[in-house]
Amino acid sequence: RYIELRVEDHVTPIRELKRLLDMKYAYILMGRSRRKAEEGCLEEALSLAEEAVARSPGLDSVYLNLGGIYYRLGDRASALEAYREAIRINPMARGYLKRVIAQSLGLEEEFLRRL
């Protein structure tokens, strides 16, 4: 099984089913985006990351991924905007961003202060 969904007890089961499927698809797109970024195909990675955001804009992780791609592309303003949205959705993302992502991408101190 790839996904097991039980939404029959939800007030709006069809809407909940769509939300959960969109979330699952967003994670799949994020995985593809990360692989493309690792391969150095940043424009393709960006397109996939943007699609993941469109699918599930309530997930902080899609914005963390998007921010990382923008950062690698040199678009600091868009990276900052994406990271701020991730933090707005989930304030705990700030700590993850500063501990994990900052090291893996080599985020500059000045950039981190602007979060």
Protein backbone atom coordinates (compact mmCIF):
# COMPACT_ATOMS: atom_id res chain seq x y z
CA ARG A 1 0.00 0.00 0.00
CA TYR A 2 1.16 3.47 -0.79
CA ILE A 3 -1.52 5.33 1.14
CA GLU A 4 -4.26 4.26 3.50
CA LEU A 5 -6.91 6.90 4.03
CA ARG A 6 -9.82 6.82 6.40
CA VAL A 7 -11.83 9.97 6.06
CA GLU A 8 -15.37 8.66 6.48
CA ASP A 9 -15.66 10.17 9.97
CA HIS A 10 -14.61 13.61 8.79
CA VAL A 11 -17.28 16.32 8.48
CA THR A 12 -16.33 16.85 4.81
CA PRO A 13 -14.73 13.56 3.78
CA ILE A 14 -14.23 14.35 0.09
CA ARG A 15 -12.54 17.68 0.85
CA GLU A 16 -10.34 15.96 3.45
CA LEU A 17 -9.45 13.22 0.97
CA LYS A 18 -8.39 15.84 -1.58
CA ARG A 19 -6.30 17.68 1.05
CA LEU A 20 -4.50 14.50 2.05
CA LEU A 21 -3.86 13.43 -1.54
CA ASP A 22 -2.57 16.91 -2.39
CA MET A 23 -0.24 16.70 0.60
CA LYS A 24 1.05 13.29 -0.49
CA TYR A 25 1.61 14.54 -4.03
CA ALA A 26 3.40 17.63 -2.70
CA TYR A 27 5.84 15.38 -0.85
CA ILE A 28 6.44 13.37 -4.04
CA LEU A 29 7.09 16.59 -5.96
CA MET A 30 9.44 17.79 -3.22
CA GLY A 31 11.43 14.58 -3.48
CA ARG A 32 11.74 14.99 -7.23
CA SER A 33 12.70 18.63 -6.74
CA ARG A 34 15.48 17.72 -4.30
CA ARG A 35 16.85 15.09 -6.67
CA LYS A 36 16.92 17.57 -9.55
CA ALA A 37 18.68 20.11 -7.32
CA GLU A 38 21.28 17.51 -6.33
CA GLU A 39 21.85 16.82 -10.04
CA GLY A 40 22.40 20.54 -10.58
CA CYS A 41 19.19 21.01 -12.58
CA LEU A 42 18.04 23.97 -10.52
CA GLU A 43 15.47 25.36 -12.95
CA GLU A 44 13.71 21.98 -13.10
CA ALA A 45 13.98 21.72 -9.33
CA LEU A 46 12.40 25.15 -8.98
CA SER A 47 9.49 24.24 -11.22
CA LEU A 48 8.79 21.09 -9.19
CA ALA A 49 9.13 23.01 -5.91
CA GLU A 50 6.65 25.63 -7.09
CA GLU A 51 4.22 22.90 -8.09
CA ALA A 52 4.58 21.35 -4.61
CA VAL A 53 3.73 24.73 -3.03
CA ALA A 54 0.70 25.06 -5.28
CA ARG A 55 -0.49 21.58 -4.29
CA SER A 56 -0.13 22.02 -0.55
CA PRO A 57 0.52 25.62 0.48
CA GLY A 58 -0.11 24.85 4.15
CA LEU A 59 3.05 22.75 4.52
CA ASP A 60 6.12 24.49 5.89
CA SER A 61 8.40 21.91 4.29
CA VAL A 62 7.41 22.89 0.74
CA TYR A 63 8.52 26.46 1.48
CA LEU A 64 11.77 25.29 3.09
CA ASN A 65 12.51 23.32 -0.08
CA LEU A 66 11.54 26.25 -2.31
CA GLY A 67 13.70 28.63 -0.28
CA GLY A 68 16.71 26.37 -0.62
CA ILE A 69 16.39 26.27 -4.38
CA TYR A 70 15.99 30.03 -4.64
CA TYR A 71 19.05 30.43 -2.42
CA ARG A 72 21.11 28.13 -4.64
CA LEU A 73 19.93 30.08 -7.68
CA GLY A 74 21.18 33.28 -6.04
CA ASP A 75 17.71 34.77 -5.58
CA ARG A 76 18.13 35.77 -1.93
CA ALA A 77 14.95 37.89 -1.80
CA SER A 78 12.74 35.00 -2.96
CA ALA A 79 14.57 32.59 -0.65
CA LEU A 80 13.95 34.89 2.29
CA GLU A 81 10.28 35.20 1.37
CA ALA A 82 9.87 31.41 1.14
CA TYR A 83 11.68 30.83 4.44
CA ARG A 84 9.57 33.47 6.17
CA GLU A 85 6.41 31.78 4.91
CA ALA A 86 7.64 28.43 6.29
CA ILE A 87 8.22 30.10 9.66
CA ARG A 88 4.79 31.77 9.54
CA ILE A 89 3.17 28.36 8.99
CA ASN A 90 5.32 26.65 11.61
CA PRO A 91 7.37 28.84 13.95
CA MET A 92 9.52 25.81 14.88
CA ALA A 93 10.83 25.81 11.31
CA ARG A 94 13.11 28.71 12.30
CA GLY A 95 15.21 26.41 14.49
CA TYR A 96 15.39 23.71 11.82
CA LEU A 97 16.33 26.32 9.25
CA LYS A 98 19.14 27.70 11.38
CA ARG A 99 20.49 24.29 12.46
CA VAL A 100 20.10 22.02 9.46
CA ILE A 101 19.47 24.01 6.32
CA ALA A 102 21.98 26.74 7.19
CA GLN A 103 24.75 24.14 7.37
CA SER A 104 23.79 22.20 4.26
CA LEU A 105 23.45 25.33 2.09
CA GLY A 106 26.02 27.45 3.84
CA LEU A 107 23.57 30.27 4.55
CA GLU A 108 25.33 33.51 5.41
CA GLU A 109 24.95 34.96 8.91
CA GLU A 110 23.51 38.20 7.57
CA PHE A 111 20.88 36.26 5.65
CA LEU A 112 19.94 34.28 8.76
CA ARG A 113 19.58 37.46 10.82
CA ARG A 114 16.99 38.72 8.34
CA LEU A 115 14.67 35.80 9.07
